Amino acid sequence: MINAVIYSRVSSDSERQDTQRQTTELKEYANRVGYNIVEVYEEKVSGFKKNEQRPIFSKMLEDIKANQIDKVLVWELSRIGRSVLQSLQNIQTLHDLKVGIYIKNFNLETLNDDKTPNNLSMFMVQILFSVANMESQMTLSRLQSGYRNHIKKNGNQSVGRKKGNTDSDEKILNRHSDVVRLIKRGLSIRNVSAITNKSTNTVLKVKRII
């Protein structure tokens, strides 16, 4: 019997996301192939956080060291770490413990049945991580460029409330319509703040009103 754990993560910046879909699909996969699910770890934290800032992920690693676990099931590559380097380090940490990773959206196994590294899968993992990072940077760059062009055409907008200002929620949303549009497109608070050059507090305020 193969003992497995599930790790599901969503960004803390997005209240619309939850871990249920990831966990459900991974449980269904485990049932089909006959894995024994020992534990399910679900975390709501930004993918940009370091391991020590991801308490559930850190607990999973500690539990794996103390128990006989064969596999970690994740829904996609981005669940593993905040960067290519950190993700590969996390994979190596698990491999040192003879624990493989199953990545569902690409149907990849990082270890062979004999616990040796699956070289083809690891090669694909490195390429996919690099491509994902490049796409993320290109998307952010395009959005920033579009926002700068918008400012040139329409002029900048004031940021936040002035002291003593009691503007209604409607006025705040109108004032920060650029933030509203980006939030509705599903961007994280951090990315919206970077693109619009407005504080995260302002973005959070707008998001709460929405």
C-alpha atoms as a PDB file:
ATOM      1  CA  MET A   1       0.000   0.000   0.000  1.00  0.00           C
ATOM      2  CA  ILE A   2       1.335   3.426  -0.974  1.00  0.00           C
ATOM      3  CA  ASN A   3       0.881   6.038   1.758  1.00  0.00           C
ATOM      4  CA  ALA A   4       0.263   9.551   0.433  1.00  0.00           C
ATOM      5  CA  VAL A   5      -0.574  13.010   1.713  1.00  0.00           C
ATOM      6  CA  ILE A   6      -2.349  15.818  -0.099  1.00  0.00           C
ATOM      7  CA  TYR A   7      -1.125  19.406  -0.077  1.00  0.00           C
ATOM      8  CA  SER A   8      -3.548  22.050  -1.346  1.00  0.00           C
ATOM      9  CA  ARG A   9      -2.814  25.768  -1.344  1.00  0.00           C
ATOM     10  CA  VAL A  10      -4.546  28.922  -2.521  1.00  0.00           C
ATOM     11  CA  SER A  11      -3.351  32.505  -2.358  1.00  0.00           C
ATOM     12  CA  SER A  12      -4.385  34.436   0.733  1.00  0.00           C
ATOM     13  CA  ASP A  13      -4.902  37.444  -1.568  1.00  0.00           C
ATOM     14  CA  SER A  14      -7.922  35.869  -3.225  1.00  0.00           C
ATOM     15  CA  GLU A  15     -11.044  35.296  -1.145  1.00  0.00           C
ATOM     16  CA  ARG A  16     -12.743  33.725  -4.156  1.00  0.00           C
ATOM     17  CA  GLN A  17     -10.395  30.758  -4.112  1.00  0.00           C
ATOM     18  CA  ASP A  18     -10.586  27.790  -1.799  1.00  0.00           C
ATOM     19  CA  THR A  19      -8.738  24.484  -1.509  1.00  0.00           C
ATOM     20  CA  GLN A  20     -11.803  22.270  -1.888  1.00  0.00           C
ATOM     21  CA  ARG A  21     -11.505  21.733  -5.649  1.00  0.00           C
ATOM     22  CA  GLN A  22      -7.816  20.806  -5.441  1.00  0.00           C
ATOM     23  CA  THR A  23      -8.361  18.439  -2.532  1.00  0.00           C
ATOM     24  CA  THR A  24     -11.429  16.792  -4.070  1.00  0.00           C
ATOM     25  CA  GLU A  25      -9.693  16.064  -7.381  1.00  0.00           C
ATOM     26  CA  LEU A  26      -6.589  14.721  -5.644  1.00  0.00           C
ATOM     27  CA  LYS A  27      -8.699  12.455  -3.413  1.00  0.00           C
ATOM     28  CA  GLU A  28     -10.504  11.125  -6.476  1.00  0.00           C
ATOM     29  CA  TYR A  29      -7.158  10.378  -8.137  1.00  0.00           C
ATOM     30  CA  ALA A  30      -5.855   8.644  -4.991  1.00  0.00           C
ATOM     31  CA  ASN A  31      -8.982   6.465  -4.838  1.00  0.00           C
ATOM     32  CA  ARG A  32      -8.607   5.464  -8.497  1.00  0.00           C
ATOM     33  CA  VAL A  33      -4.990   4.326  -8.102  1.00  0.00           C
ATOM     34  CA  GLY A  34      -5.418   2.841  -4.648  1.00  0.00           C
ATOM     35  CA  TYR A  35      -3.312   5.215  -2.528  1.00  0.00           C
ATOM     36  CA  ASN A  36      -3.877   5.388   1.216  1.00  0.00           C
ATOM     37  CA  ILE A  37      -4.397   9.065   2.108  1.00  0.00           C
ATOM     38  CA  VAL A  38      -2.757   9.562   5.493  1.00  0.00           C
ATOM     39  CA  GLU A  39      -3.390  13.302   5.851  1.00  0.00           C
ATOM     40  CA  VAL A  40      -4.696  16.321   3.963  1.00  0.00           C
ATOM     41  CA  TYR A  41      -2.898  19.644   4.378  1.00  0.00           C
ATOM     42  CA  GLU A  42      -4.779  22.743   3.230  1.00  0.00           C
ATOM     43  CA  GLU A  43      -3.242  26.201   3.346  1.00  0.00           C
ATOM     44  CA  LYS A  44      -4.323  29.708   2.409  1.00  0.00           C
ATOM     45  CA  VAL A  45      -1.128  31.698   1.952  1.00  0.00           C
ATOM     46  CA  SER A  46       0.585  33.652  -0.809  1.00  0.00           C
ATOM     47  CA  GLY A  47       2.768  31.624  -3.130  1.00  0.00           C
ATOM     48  CA  PHE A  48       5.452  34.268  -2.695  1.00  0.00           C
ATOM     49  CA  LYS A  49       6.010  33.277   0.953  1.00  0.00           C
ATOM     50  CA  LYS A  50       9.093  31.379   2.084  1.00  0.00           C
ATOM     51  CA  ASN A  51       8.719  27.906   3.598  1.00  0.00           C
ATOM     52  CA  GLU A  52       9.049  29.243   7.134  1.00  0.00           C
ATOM     53  CA  GLN A  53       6.105  31.573   6.414  1.00  0.00           C
ATOM     54  CA  ARG A  54       3.940  28.645   5.287  1.00  0.00           C
ATOM     55  CA  PRO A  55       3.082  26.902   8.582  1.00  0.00           C
ATOM     56  CA  ILE A  56       0.975  24.118   7.073  1.00  0.00           C
ATOM     57  CA  PHE A  57       3.615  23.247   4.484  1.00  0.00           C
ATOM     58  CA  SER A  58       6.293  23.236   7.202  1.00  0.00           C
ATOM     59  CA  LYS A  59       4.126  20.969   9.383  1.00  0.00           C
ATOM     60  CA  MET A  60       3.673  18.600   6.458  1.00  0.00           C
ATOM     61  CA  LEU A  61       7.451  18.298   6.050  1.00  0.00           C
ATOM     62  CA  GLU A  62       7.862  17.589   9.764  1.00  0.00           C
ATOM     63  CA  ASP A  63       5.092  14.970   9.700  1.00  0.00           C
ATOM     64  CA  ILE A  64       6.642  13.299   6.662  1.00  0.00           C
ATOM     65  CA  LYS A  65       9.973  13.001   8.486  1.00  0.00           C
ATOM     66  CA  ALA A  66       8.205  11.266  11.389  1.00  0.00           C
ATOM     67  CA  ASN A  67       6.001   8.915   9.349  1.00  0.00           C
ATOM     68  CA  GLN A  68       6.271   6.484   6.476  1.00  0.00           C
ATOM     69  CA  ILE A  69       5.002   8.541   3.538  1.00  0.00           C
ATOM     70  CA  ASP A  70       5.628   7.619  -0.092  1.00  0.00           C
ATOM     71  CA  LYS A  71       4.053  10.489  -2.033  1.00  0.00           C
ATOM     72  CA  VAL A  72       2.853  14.073  -1.817  1.00  0.00           C
ATOM     73  CA  LEU A  73      -0.033  14.845  -4.143  1.00  0.00           C
ATOM     74  CA  VAL A  74      -0.355  18.408  -5.426  1.00  0.00           C
ATOM     75  CA  TRP A  75      -2.692  19.886  -7.985  1.00  0.00           C
ATOM     76  CA  GLU A  76      -0.152  21.978  -9.879  1.00  0.00           C
ATOM     77  CA  LEU A  77       3.495  23.052  -9.866  1.00  0.00           C
ATOM     78  CA  SER A  78       2.909  26.468  -8.317  1.00  0.00           C
ATOM     79  CA  ARG A  79       1.689  24.829  -5.088  1.00  0.00           C
ATOM     80  CA  ILE A  80       5.211  23.598  -4.301  1.00  0.00           C
ATOM     81  CA  GLY A  81       7.178  26.827  -3.904  1.00  0.00           C
ATOM     82  CA  ARG A  82       7.424  30.569  -4.508  1.00  0.00           C
ATOM     83  CA  SER A  83      10.173  30.363  -7.153  1.00  0.00           C
ATOM     84  CA  VAL A  84      11.933  27.896  -9.409  1.00  0.00           C
ATOM     85  CA  LEU A  85      14.803  27.606  -6.933  1.00  0.00           C
ATOM     86  CA  GLN A  86      12.629  27.133  -3.848  1.00  0.00           C
ATOM     87  CA  SER A  87      10.371  24.657  -5.626  1.00  0.00           C
ATOM     88  CA  LEU A  88      13.303  22.532  -6.772  1.00  0.00           C
ATOM     89  CA  GLN A  89      14.788  22.697  -3.273  1.00  0.00           C
ATOM     90  CA  ASN A  90      11.492  21.480  -1.808  1.00  0.00           C
ATOM     91  CA  ILE A  91      11.351  18.654  -4.330  1.00  0.00           C
ATOM     92  CA  GLN A  92      14.933  17.682  -3.448  1.00  0.00           C
ATOM     93  CA  THR A  93      14.103  17.769   0.289  1.00  0.00           C
ATOM     94  CA  LEU A  94      11.297  15.302  -0.312  1.00  0.00           C
ATOM     95  CA  HIS A  95      13.439  13.141  -2.599  1.00  0.00           C
ATOM     96  CA  ASP A  96      16.088  12.919   0.134  1.00  0.00           C
ATOM     97  CA  LEU A  97      13.326  11.450   2.316  1.00  0.00           C
ATOM     98  CA  LYS A  98      12.465   9.031  -0.529  1.00  0.00           C
ATOM     99  CA  VAL A  99       9.137  10.809  -1.017  1.00  0.00           C
ATOM    100  CA  GLY A 100       7.915  11.461  -4.553  1.00  0.00           C
ATOM    101  CA  ILE A 101       5.598  14.202  -5.759  1.00  0.00           C
ATOM    102  CA  TYR A 102       2.631  13.656  -8.033  1.00  0.00           C
ATOM    103  CA  ILE A 103       1.653  16.799  -9.978  1.00  0.00           C
ATOM    104  CA  LYS A 104      -1.886  16.284 -11.203  1.00  0.00           C
ATOM    105  CA  ASN A 105      -2.346  18.938 -13.885  1.00  0.00           C
ATOM    106  CA  PHE A 106       0.642  17.534 -15.821  1.00  0.00           C
ATOM    107  CA  ASN A 107       0.309  13.918 -14.597  1.00  0.00           C
ATOM    108  CA  LEU A 108       3.962  13.884 -13.521  1.00  0.00           C
ATOM    109  CA  GLU A 109       5.676  11.648 -10.984  1.00  0.00           C
ATOM    110  CA  THR A 110       9.038  12.963  -9.748  1.00  0.00           C
ATOM    111  CA  LEU A 111      10.208   9.554  -8.478  1.00  0.00           C
ATOM    112  CA  ASN A 112      10.133   6.168 -10.149  1.00  0.00           C
ATOM    113  CA  ASP A 113       8.653   3.116  -8.418  1.00  0.00           C
ATOM    114  CA  ASP A 114      12.124   2.199  -7.099  1.00  0.00           C
ATOM    115  CA  LYS A 115      12.443   5.659  -5.447  1.00  0.00           C
ATOM    116  CA  THR A 116      15.014   6.886  -7.979  1.00  0.00           C
ATOM    117  CA  PRO A 117      14.485  10.309  -9.604  1.00  0.00           C
ATOM    118  CA  ASN A 118      12.404  10.307 -12.761  1.00  0.00           C
ATOM    119  CA  ASN A 119      14.840  12.261 -14.907  1.00  0.00           C
ATOM    120  CA  LEU A 120      12.381  12.989 -17.717  1.00  0.00           C
ATOM    121  CA  SER A 121       9.764  14.304 -15.284  1.00  0.00           C
ATOM    122  CA  MET A 122      12.322  16.443 -13.466  1.00  0.00           C
ATOM    123  CA  PHE A 123      13.507  17.882 -16.785  1.00  0.00           C
ATOM    124  CA  MET A 124       9.909  18.781 -17.648  1.00  0.00           C
ATOM    125  CA  VAL A 125       9.353  20.244 -14.162  1.00  0.00           C
ATOM    126  CA  GLN A 126      12.301  22.617 -14.554  1.00  0.00           C
ATOM    127  CA  ILE A 127      11.122  23.736 -17.986  1.00  0.00           C
ATOM    128  CA  LEU A 128       7.522  24.220 -16.819  1.00  0.00           C
ATOM    129  CA  PHE A 129       8.624  26.211 -13.779  1.00  0.00           C
ATOM    130  CA  SER A 130      10.773  28.470 -15.952  1.00  0.00           C
ATOM    131  CA  VAL A 131       8.005  29.002 -18.510  1.00  0.00           C
ATOM    132  CA  ALA A 132       5.484  29.788 -15.757  1.00  0.00           C
ATOM    133  CA  ASN A 133       7.819  32.381 -14.250  1.00  0.00           C
ATOM    134  CA  MET A 134       8.411  33.991 -17.645  1.00  0.00           C
ATOM    135  CA  GLU A 135       4.681  34.172 -18.358  1.00  0.00           C
ATOM    136  CA  SER A 136       4.015  35.719 -14.953  1.00  0.00           C
ATOM    137  CA  GLN A 137       6.639  38.408 -15.505  1.00  0.00           C
ATOM    138  CA  MET A 138       5.402  39.122 -19.048  1.00  0.00           C
ATOM    139  CA  THR A 139       1.796  39.428 -17.833  1.00  0.00           C
ATOM    140  CA  LEU A 140       2.792  41.845 -15.072  1.00  0.00           C
ATOM    141  CA  SER A 141       4.879  43.871 -17.533  1.00  0.00           C
ATOM    142  CA  ARG A 142       1.988  44.133 -20.026  1.00  0.00           C
ATOM    143  CA  LEU A 143      -0.443  45.192 -17.305  1.00  0.00           C
ATOM    144  CA  GLN A 144       1.959  47.834 -16.011  1.00  0.00           C
ATOM    145  CA  SER A 145       2.473  49.139 -19.537  1.00  0.00           C
ATOM    146  CA  GLY A 146      -1.281  49.296 -20.133  1.00  0.00           C
ATOM    147  CA  TYR A 147      -1.808  51.147 -16.877  1.00  0.00           C
ATOM    148  CA  ARG A 148       0.898  53.706 -17.733  1.00  0.00           C
ATOM    149  CA  ASN A 149      -0.775  54.326 -21.088  1.00  0.00           C
ATOM    150  CA  HIS A 150      -4.122  54.737 -19.331  1.00  0.00           C
ATOM    151  CA  ILE A 151      -2.602  57.342 -16.990  1.00  0.00           C
ATOM    152  CA  LYS A 152      -1.097  59.262 -19.929  1.00  0.00           C
ATOM    153  CA  LYS A 153      -4.476  59.433 -21.644  1.00  0.00           C
ATOM    154  CA  ASN A 154      -6.747  60.010 -18.668  1.00  0.00           C
ATOM    155  CA  GLY A 155      -4.519  61.507 -15.996  1.00  0.00           C
ATOM    156  CA  ASN A 156      -3.688  60.052 -12.600  1.00  0.00           C
ATOM    157  CA  GLN A 157      -6.180  59.630  -9.806  1.00  0.00           C
ATOM    158  CA  SER A 158      -5.800  60.536  -6.168  1.00  0.00           C
ATOM    159  CA  VAL A 159      -4.806  57.782  -3.751  1.00  0.00           C
ATOM    160  CA  GLY A 160      -6.773  57.060  -0.573  1.00  0.00           C
ATOM    161  CA  ARG A 161      -8.968  59.400   1.456  1.00  0.00           C
ATOM    162  CA  LYS A 162      -7.839  62.734   2.681  1.00  0.00           C
ATOM    163  CA  LYS A 163      -7.984  63.301   6.415  1.00  0.00           C
ATOM    164  CA  GLY A 164     -11.553  64.013   7.471  1.00  0.00           C
ATOM    165  CA  ASN A 165     -12.952  62.814   4.155  1.00  0.00           C
ATOM    166  CA  THR A 166     -16.174  60.862   4.502  1.00  0.00           C
ATOM    167  CA  ASP A 167     -16.675  59.849   0.899  1.00  0.00           C
ATOM    168  CA  SER A 168     -19.257  57.172   0.267  1.00  0.00           C
ATOM    169  CA  ASP A 169     -18.252  53.695  -0.886  1.00  0.00           C
ATOM    170  CA  GLU A 170     -19.523  54.577  -4.352  1.00  0.00           C
ATOM    171  CA  LYS A 171     -17.186  57.589  -4.578  1.00  0.00           C
ATOM    172  CA  ILE A 172     -14.247  55.486  -3.414  1.00  0.00           C
ATOM    173  CA  LEU A 173     -14.943  52.864  -6.066  1.00  0.00           C
ATOM    174  CA  ASN A 174     -15.245  55.563  -8.728  1.00  0.00           C
ATOM    175  CA  ARG A 175     -11.981  57.164  -7.612  1.00  0.00           C
ATOM    176  CA  HIS A 176     -10.175  53.836  -7.735  1.00  0.00           C
ATOM    177  CA  SER A 177     -11.882  52.370 -10.770  1.00  0.00           C
ATOM    178  CA  ASP A 178      -8.522  51.097 -12.028  1.00  0.00           C
ATOM    179  CA  VAL A 179      -8.116  49.043  -8.858  1.00  0.00           C
ATOM    180  CA  VAL A 180     -11.677  47.737  -9.187  1.00  0.00           C
ATOM    181  CA  ARG A 181     -11.029  46.530 -12.750  1.00  0.00           C
ATOM    182  CA  LEU A 182      -7.836  44.697 -11.814  1.00  0.00           C
ATOM    183  CA  ILE A 183      -9.361  43.078  -8.723  1.00  0.00           C
ATOM    184  CA  LYS A 184     -12.291  41.833 -10.821  1.00  0.00           C
ATOM    185  CA  ARG A 185      -9.785  40.331 -13.233  1.00  0.00           C
ATOM    186  CA  GLY A 186      -8.537  38.179 -10.366  1.00  0.00           C
ATOM    187  CA  LEU A 187      -5.151  39.814  -9.770  1.00  0.00           C
ATOM    188  CA  SER A 188      -3.620  39.583  -6.316  1.00  0.00           C
ATOM    189  CA  ILE A 189      -3.541  42.573  -3.982  1.00  0.00           C
ATOM    190  CA  ARG A 190       0.223  42.780  -4.353  1.00  0.00           C
ATOM    191  CA  ASN A 191       0.082  42.865  -8.164  1.00  0.00           C
ATOM    192  CA  VAL A 192      -2.735  45.437  -8.222  1.00  0.00           C
ATOM    193  CA  SER A 193      -0.733  47.641  -5.857  1.00  0.00           C
ATOM    194  CA  ALA A 194       2.384  47.328  -8.030  1.00  0.00           C
ATOM    195  CA  ILE A 195       0.539  48.042 -11.279  1.00  0.00           C
ATOM    196  CA  THR A 196      -1.476  51.029 -10.043  1.00  0.00           C
ATOM    197  CA  ASN A 197       1.219  52.394  -7.735  1.00  0.00           C
ATOM    198  CA  LYS A 198      -1.333  52.542  -4.925  1.00  0.00           C
ATOM    199  CA  SER A 199      -0.808  51.241  -1.417  1.00  0.00           C
ATOM    200  CA  THR A 200      -1.917  47.753  -0.439  1.00  0.00           C
ATOM    201  CA  ASN A 201      -4.145  49.371   2.192  1.00  0.00           C
ATOM    202  CA  THR A 202      -5.988  51.250  -0.547  1.00  0.00           C
ATOM    203  CA  VAL A 203      -6.359  48.083  -2.603  1.00  0.00           C
ATOM    204  CA  LEU A 204      -7.609  46.175   0.448  1.00  0.00           C
ATOM    205  CA  LYS A 205     -10.110  48.955   1.197  1.00  0.00           C
ATOM    206  CA  VAL A 206     -11.487  48.787  -2.322  1.00  0.00           C
ATOM    207  CA  LYS A 207     -11.636  44.994  -2.216  1.00  0.00           C
ATOM    208  CA  ARG A 208     -13.588  45.063   1.043  1.00  0.00           C
ATOM    209  CA  ILE A 209     -16.128  47.452  -0.480  1.00  0.00           C
ATOM    210  CA  ILE A 210     -16.512  45.247  -3.559  1.00  0.00           C
END
